[in-house]
Amino acid sequence: MIVSRAHQFKRVFRSLGRHILALLAWDLFVVVIVKVLGWEWIASRDIPLAVYGSTIGIVVGFRNNSAYSRWWEARTVWGQIVNSSRNLARQVCAGLSPNPEISAMQRNVIYHQIAFVYSLRQQLRGLDQAPEIQRFLSSDELAHLANEKNVSLALQTRIATVLRDARNREWISDWEWQSIDRTLSDLMASQGAAERIKNTPLPKQYDFFLNLFVLIYCLLLPIGMVSALGWFTPLGSTLVGFMFLALDRIGRNLEDPFENSANDLPLTAITRTIEINLLQVLGDTALPEPELARDGVLW
């Protein structure tokens, strides 16, 4: 997620630079063939640029609203994961009388919960999960997880099993178990919501047709403007075309909030925050440092 206002022009030019240069070259080409070669028949004041622009603007706005809704829903889901992780740690650690066995169980649950959020983050980003969770799990557990199709689900199942055993040993009362079970259910619901967002992209028709409409409009811009603006056509046409290209790119950047790009959710920072919070509940003092923005981007 971009958190710095600095260097925005560099990012925009890096993303749209080739498109802007191509649009400028087309604008200059139209001006030259009309003003130098005298092909006046190409220029046309009758092209309804305002109507086309308004229509495309409505479609782009609808698409961008849909993309931002997905991005914000994903952030809400991860906010729920943060809260549920804290609740689980509090329920497991604050309600039980400490002894060596219970303390070991509490640390086991907390470590598995931290591994869960890291595993889910890597799963959503399409990255390898093992390097991020191996410091929280034993070698036997890692070997068992290697055969799992959904590692995050397996970790949550393991947490439930450990807590069930604690209940059977009467470390946890029935009332406490019901509360913990609701928290575990909330975590599963949040995981399912995140997977739904990841696995259900916006319909590809949005990308294809919207990109086609913007392209056609940018090609028509200098043809409709050259009669009125003359040699200044590239100034007006390129600027308007850049606006539509930028709006189209914004929607594309927000469409998948788990793509691990500069515009996506800062899952690395969020999962690090969860790790710090849960280790703090355990009473650990050697806590990792929060994730900081690098080059204006919080990952």
Protein backbone atom coordinates (compact mmCIF):
# COMPACT_ATOMS: atom_id res chain seq x y z
CA MET A 1 0.00 0.00 0.00
CA ILE A 2 1.42 3.36 -1.02
CA VAL A 3 1.65 5.59 2.07
CA SER A 4 3.91 8.37 0.81
CA ARG A 5 2.82 11.28 -1.37
CA ALA A 6 6.33 11.67 -2.68
CA HIS A 7 7.49 10.14 -5.96
CA GLN A 8 3.92 9.70 -7.21
CA PHE A 9 4.80 11.16 -10.62
CA LYS A 10 7.60 8.61 -11.06
CA ARG A 11 5.24 5.73 -10.25
CA VAL A 12 2.59 7.05 -12.63
CA PHE A 13 5.07 7.54 -15.46
CA ARG A 14 6.58 4.09 -14.84
CA SER A 15 3.10 2.58 -15.07
CA LEU A 16 1.65 4.64 -17.93
CA GLY A 17 4.73 6.13 -19.57
CA ARG A 18 4.64 4.00 -22.71
CA HIS A 19 0.91 4.55 -23.15
CA ILE A 20 1.28 8.31 -22.78
CA LEU A 21 4.15 8.45 -25.27
CA ALA A 22 2.17 6.36 -27.76
CA LEU A 23 -0.83 8.64 -27.32
CA LEU A 24 1.35 11.73 -27.82
CA ALA A 25 2.88 10.21 -30.97
CA TRP A 26 -0.59 9.54 -32.38
CA ASP A 27 -1.71 13.09 -31.60
CA LEU A 28 1.33 14.54 -33.35
CA PHE A 29 0.78 12.25 -36.32
CA VAL A 30 -2.81 13.46 -36.75
CA VAL A 31 -1.74 17.10 -36.48
CA VAL A 32 1.04 16.67 -39.04
CA ILE A 33 -1.11 14.94 -41.67
CA VAL A 34 -3.83 17.59 -41.26
CA LYS A 35 -1.70 20.75 -41.01
CA VAL A 36 1.30 19.78 -43.12
CA LEU A 37 -0.08 17.32 -45.67
CA GLY A 38 -3.41 19.07 -45.86
CA TRP A 39 -5.59 16.02 -45.25
CA GLU A 40 -8.41 18.13 -43.86
CA TRP A 41 -10.96 15.37 -44.45
CA ILE A 42 -9.51 13.46 -41.51
CA ALA A 43 -10.44 16.23 -39.06
CA SER A 44 -14.05 16.17 -37.90
CA ARG A 45 -15.87 18.49 -35.53
CA ASP A 46 -18.91 16.21 -35.59
CA ILE A 47 -17.45 13.45 -33.40
CA PRO A 48 -19.47 13.60 -30.14
CA LEU A 49 -16.44 13.47 -27.88
CA ALA A 50 -18.37 14.86 -24.91
CA VAL A 51 -21.02 12.14 -25.16
CA TYR A 52 -18.44 9.39 -25.60
CA GLY A 53 -16.34 10.73 -22.75
CA SER A 54 -19.30 10.96 -20.38
CA THR A 55 -20.39 7.41 -21.18
CA ILE A 56 -16.93 5.96 -20.73
CA GLY A 57 -16.49 7.99 -17.53
CA ILE A 58 -19.64 6.41 -16.08
CA VAL A 59 -18.43 2.90 -16.94
CA VAL A 60 -14.94 3.59 -15.56
CA GLY A 61 -16.44 5.02 -12.38
CA PHE A 62 -18.67 1.97 -11.90
CA ARG A 63 -15.74 -0.38 -12.44
CA ASN A 64 -13.50 1.58 -10.06
CA ASN A 65 -16.19 1.62 -7.37
CA SER A 66 -16.50 -2.15 -7.69
CA ALA A 67 -12.72 -2.56 -7.48
CA TYR A 68 -12.45 -0.30 -4.43
CA SER A 69 -15.30 -2.18 -2.74
CA ARG A 70 -13.30 -5.40 -3.14
CA TRP A 71 -10.18 -3.71 -1.76
CA TRP A 72 -12.04 -2.29 1.23
CA GLU A 73 -13.85 -5.55 1.94
CA ALA A 74 -10.50 -7.32 1.96
CA ARG A 75 -9.16 -4.77 4.45
CA THR A 76 -12.26 -5.25 6.62
CA VAL A 77 -11.75 -9.02 6.56
CA TRP A 78 -8.16 -8.67 7.71
CA GLY A 79 -9.25 -6.24 10.39
CA GLN A 80 -11.54 -8.99 11.67
CA ILE A 81 -8.64 -11.46 11.60
CA VAL A 82 -6.59 -9.05 13.72
CA ASN A 83 -9.40 -8.71 16.27
CA SER A 84 -10.18 -12.43 16.38
CA SER A 85 -6.49 -13.30 16.83
CA ARG A 86 -6.26 -10.94 19.78
CA ASN A 87 -9.48 -12.34 21.25
CA LEU A 88 -8.19 -15.90 20.93
CA ALA A 89 -4.93 -15.01 22.65
CA ARG A 90 -6.78 -13.25 25.45
CA GLN A 91 -9.23 -16.10 25.95
CA VAL A 92 -6.49 -18.73 26.03
CA CYS A 93 -3.99 -16.86 28.19
CA ALA A 94 -6.04 -14.70 30.55
CA GLY A 95 -8.63 -17.23 31.71
CA LEU A 96 -6.41 -20.12 32.81
CA SER A 97 -4.38 -20.59 35.97
CA PRO A 98 -0.73 -20.94 34.97
CA ASN A 99 1.25 -24.15 35.43
CA PRO A 100 3.98 -25.65 33.21
CA GLU A 101 1.57 -27.81 31.18
CA ILE A 102 -0.97 -25.05 30.66
CA SER A 103 1.75 -22.56 29.78
CA ALA A 104 3.08 -24.96 27.13
CA MET A 105 -0.43 -25.37 25.73
CA GLN A 106 -0.95 -21.60 25.62
CA ARG A 107 2.32 -21.04 23.77
CA ASN A 108 1.45 -23.86 21.37
CA VAL A 109 -1.91 -22.26 20.52
CA ILE A 110 -0.45 -18.77 20.14
CA TYR A 111 2.35 -20.00 17.89
CA HIS A 112 -0.13 -21.89 15.73
CA GLN A 113 -2.30 -18.77 15.44
CA ILE A 114 0.68 -16.68 14.36
CA ALA A 115 1.59 -19.38 11.85
CA PHE A 116 -2.03 -19.30 10.62
CA VAL A 117 -2.00 -15.60 9.73
CA TYR A 118 1.38 -15.91 8.00
CA SER A 119 0.19 -18.99 6.14
CA LEU A 120 -3.01 -17.27 5.00
CA ARG A 121 -1.05 -14.23 3.86
CA GLN A 122 1.28 -16.34 1.72
CA GLN A 123 -1.64 -18.39 0.39
CA LEU A 124 -3.48 -15.29 -0.78
CA ARG A 125 -0.35 -13.89 -2.37
CA GLY A 126 0.45 -17.17 -4.10
CA LEU A 127 3.80 -17.51 -2.30
CA ASP A 128 5.52 -20.37 -0.49
CA GLN A 129 4.16 -20.74 3.04
CA ALA A 130 6.85 -22.93 4.61
CA PRO A 131 9.58 -20.28 5.10
CA GLU A 132 7.18 -18.02 7.02
CA ILE A 133 5.71 -20.62 9.40
CA GLN A 134 8.68 -22.87 10.14
CA ARG A 135 9.91 -20.75 13.05
CA PHE A 136 6.63 -21.28 14.91
CA LEU A 137 6.17 -25.03 14.39
CA SER A 138 8.08 -28.22 15.09
CA SER A 139 9.68 -30.25 12.32
CA ASP A 140 7.05 -33.00 12.73
CA GLU A 141 4.22 -30.50 12.32
CA LEU A 142 5.88 -28.99 9.25
CA ALA A 143 6.24 -32.45 7.72
CA HIS A 144 2.56 -33.14 8.33
CA LEU A 145 1.52 -29.81 6.83
CA ALA A 146 3.53 -30.51 3.69
CA ASN A 147 0.79 -32.91 2.61
CA GLU A 148 -2.08 -30.50 3.26
CA LYS A 149 -3.91 -28.76 0.43
CA ASN A 150 -5.04 -25.90 2.67
CA VAL A 151 -2.35 -25.24 5.27
CA SER A 152 -4.27 -22.41 6.94
CA LEU A 153 -7.27 -24.65 7.54
CA ALA A 154 -5.02 -27.40 8.91
CA LEU A 155 -3.48 -24.96 11.38
CA GLN A 156 -6.90 -23.85 12.61
CA THR A 157 -7.95 -27.48 12.97
CA ARG A 158 -4.83 -28.15 15.04
CA ILE A 159 -5.65 -25.20 17.31
CA ALA A 160 -9.16 -26.56 17.85
CA THR A 161 -7.77 -29.99 18.65
CA VAL A 162 -5.35 -28.63 21.24
CA LEU A 163 -8.10 -26.61 22.91
CA ARG A 164 -10.47 -29.56 22.83
CA ASP A 165 -7.89 -31.61 24.69
CA ALA A 166 -7.52 -28.78 27.20
CA ARG A 167 -11.27 -28.83 27.71
CA ASN A 168 -11.26 -32.61 28.22
CA ARG A 169 -8.60 -32.12 30.89
CA GLU A 170 -10.88 -29.52 32.50
CA TRP A 171 -8.45 -26.67 31.99
CA ILE A 172 -11.20 -24.87 30.08
CA SER A 173 -14.81 -24.71 31.27
CA ASP A 174 -17.77 -25.32 28.97
CA TRP A 175 -18.60 -21.61 28.98
CA GLU A 176 -15.03 -20.68 28.08
CA TRP A 177 -15.00 -23.33 25.34
CA GLN A 178 -18.15 -21.89 23.76
CA SER A 179 -16.59 -18.44 23.68
CA ILE A 180 -13.36 -19.76 22.17
CA ASP A 181 -15.29 -21.79 19.62
CA ARG A 182 -17.10 -18.65 18.43
CA THR A 183 -13.73 -16.94 17.98
CA LEU A 184 -12.42 -19.89 15.95
CA SER A 185 -15.58 -19.79 13.83
CA ASP A 186 -15.02 -16.07 13.20
CA LEU A 187 -11.49 -16.82 12.02
CA MET A 188 -12.77 -19.48 9.63
CA ALA A 189 -15.40 -17.08 8.29
CA SER A 190 -12.72 -14.44 7.70
CA GLN A 191 -10.48 -16.93 5.91
CA GLY A 192 -13.38 -17.96 3.68
CA ALA A 193 -14.17 -14.33 2.86
CA ALA A 194 -10.54 -13.62 1.93
CA GLU A 195 -10.40 -16.74 -0.27
CA ARG A 196 -13.65 -15.71 -1.96
CA ILE A 197 -12.21 -12.31 -2.86
CA LYS A 198 -9.00 -13.91 -4.12
CA ASN A 199 -10.68 -16.63 -6.16
CA THR A 200 -13.49 -14.51 -7.65
CA PRO A 201 -11.98 -11.67 -9.71
CA LEU A 202 -14.02 -9.05 -11.49
CA PRO A 203 -15.49 -10.35 -14.77
CA LYS A 204 -12.92 -10.15 -17.54
CA GLN A 205 -15.44 -8.32 -19.73
CA TYR A 206 -14.77 -5.26 -17.59
CA ASP A 207 -11.09 -5.33 -18.51
CA PHE A 208 -11.48 -6.14 -22.19
CA PHE A 209 -14.32 -3.86 -23.21
CA LEU A 210 -13.36 -0.97 -20.96
CA ASN A 211 -9.80 -1.07 -22.28
CA LEU A 212 -11.17 -1.20 -25.83
CA PHE A 213 -13.52 1.75 -25.24
CA VAL A 214 -10.75 3.88 -23.71
CA LEU A 215 -8.44 3.02 -26.62
CA ILE A 216 -11.03 4.00 -29.24
CA TYR A 217 -11.79 7.24 -27.40
CA CYS A 218 -8.09 8.16 -27.21
CA LEU A 219 -7.76 7.51 -30.95
CA LEU A 220 -10.74 9.75 -31.71
CA LEU A 221 -9.62 12.61 -29.47
CA PRO A 222 -7.09 14.29 -31.81
CA ILE A 223 -9.35 13.75 -34.82
CA GLY A 224 -12.14 15.65 -33.10
CA MET A 225 -9.90 18.34 -31.62
CA VAL A 226 -7.47 19.16 -34.40
CA SER A 227 -9.80 21.52 -36.24
CA ALA A 228 -10.25 23.70 -33.15
CA LEU A 229 -6.83 23.38 -31.46
CA GLY A 230 -4.52 22.97 -34.44
CA TRP A 231 -0.91 22.51 -33.33
CA PHE A 232 -2.03 22.61 -29.70
CA THR A 233 -4.04 19.42 -30.17
CA PRO A 234 -1.49 17.20 -28.38
CA LEU A 235 -1.81 19.35 -25.25
CA GLY A 236 -5.56 18.83 -24.95
CA SER A 237 -5.83 15.33 -26.40
CA THR A 238 -2.92 13.79 -24.51
CA LEU A 239 -4.06 15.33 -21.23
CA VAL A 240 -7.62 14.04 -21.56
CA GLY A 241 -6.39 10.64 -22.70
CA PHE A 242 -4.02 10.48 -19.75
CA MET A 243 -6.94 11.08 -17.36
CA PHE A 244 -8.90 8.14 -18.75
CA LEU A 245 -5.83 5.89 -18.82
CA ALA A 246 -5.02 6.79 -15.22
CA LEU A 247 -8.57 6.09 -14.05
CA ASP A 248 -8.53 2.75 -15.86
CA ARG A 249 -5.22 1.83 -14.24
CA ILE A 250 -6.49 2.75 -10.76
CA GLY A 251 -9.29 0.24 -11.13
CA ARG A 252 -6.90 -2.45 -12.31
CA ASN A 253 -4.55 -1.81 -9.39
CA LEU A 254 -7.33 -2.16 -6.81
CA GLU A 255 -9.04 -5.11 -8.42
CA ASP A 256 -6.96 -7.79 -6.64
CA PRO A 257 -5.97 -6.63 -3.12
CA PHE A 258 -3.77 -9.73 -2.60
CA GLU A 259 -1.51 -9.40 -5.64
CA ASN A 260 1.53 -8.38 -3.53
CA SER A 261 2.04 -5.15 -5.45
CA ALA A 262 2.56 -1.60 -4.19
CA ASN A 263 -1.17 -0.83 -4.38
CA ASP A 264 -2.39 -3.87 -2.45
CA LEU A 265 -3.15 -4.42 1.22
CA PRO A 266 -0.12 -4.23 3.54
CA LEU A 267 -0.47 -7.84 4.68
CA THR A 268 3.18 -8.06 5.73
CA ALA A 269 2.65 -5.18 8.16
CA ILE A 270 -0.69 -6.54 9.36
CA THR A 271 0.64 -10.04 10.07
CA ARG A 272 3.70 -8.60 11.82
CA THR A 273 1.36 -6.57 14.03
CA ILE A 274 -0.59 -9.72 14.92
CA GLU A 275 2.66 -11.52 15.79
CA ILE A 276 3.77 -8.69 18.06
CA ASN A 277 0.40 -8.49 19.80
CA LEU A 278 0.11 -12.22 20.43
CA LEU A 279 3.68 -12.59 21.70
CA GLN A 280 3.00 -9.66 24.01
CA VAL A 281 -0.02 -11.50 25.43
CA LEU A 282 2.28 -14.46 26.12
CA GLY A 283 4.53 -12.14 28.10
CA ASP A 284 7.48 -12.22 25.71
CA THR A 285 9.72 -9.18 25.81
CA ALA A 286 11.92 -9.85 22.78
CA LEU A 287 9.34 -8.67 20.27
CA PRO A 288 10.01 -8.15 16.56
CA GLU A 289 9.98 -4.64 15.18
CA PRO A 290 6.87 -3.40 13.33
CA GLU A 291 7.05 -3.44 9.57
CA LEU A 292 7.95 -0.01 8.20
CA ALA A 293 7.32 1.56 4.81
CA ARG A 294 10.08 1.15 2.23
CA ASP A 295 10.37 3.71 -0.55
CA GLY A 296 6.95 5.03 0.35
CA VAL A 297 5.28 1.59 0.22
CA LEU A 298 4.02 -0.43 3.20
CA TRP A 299 4.01 -4.10 2.26
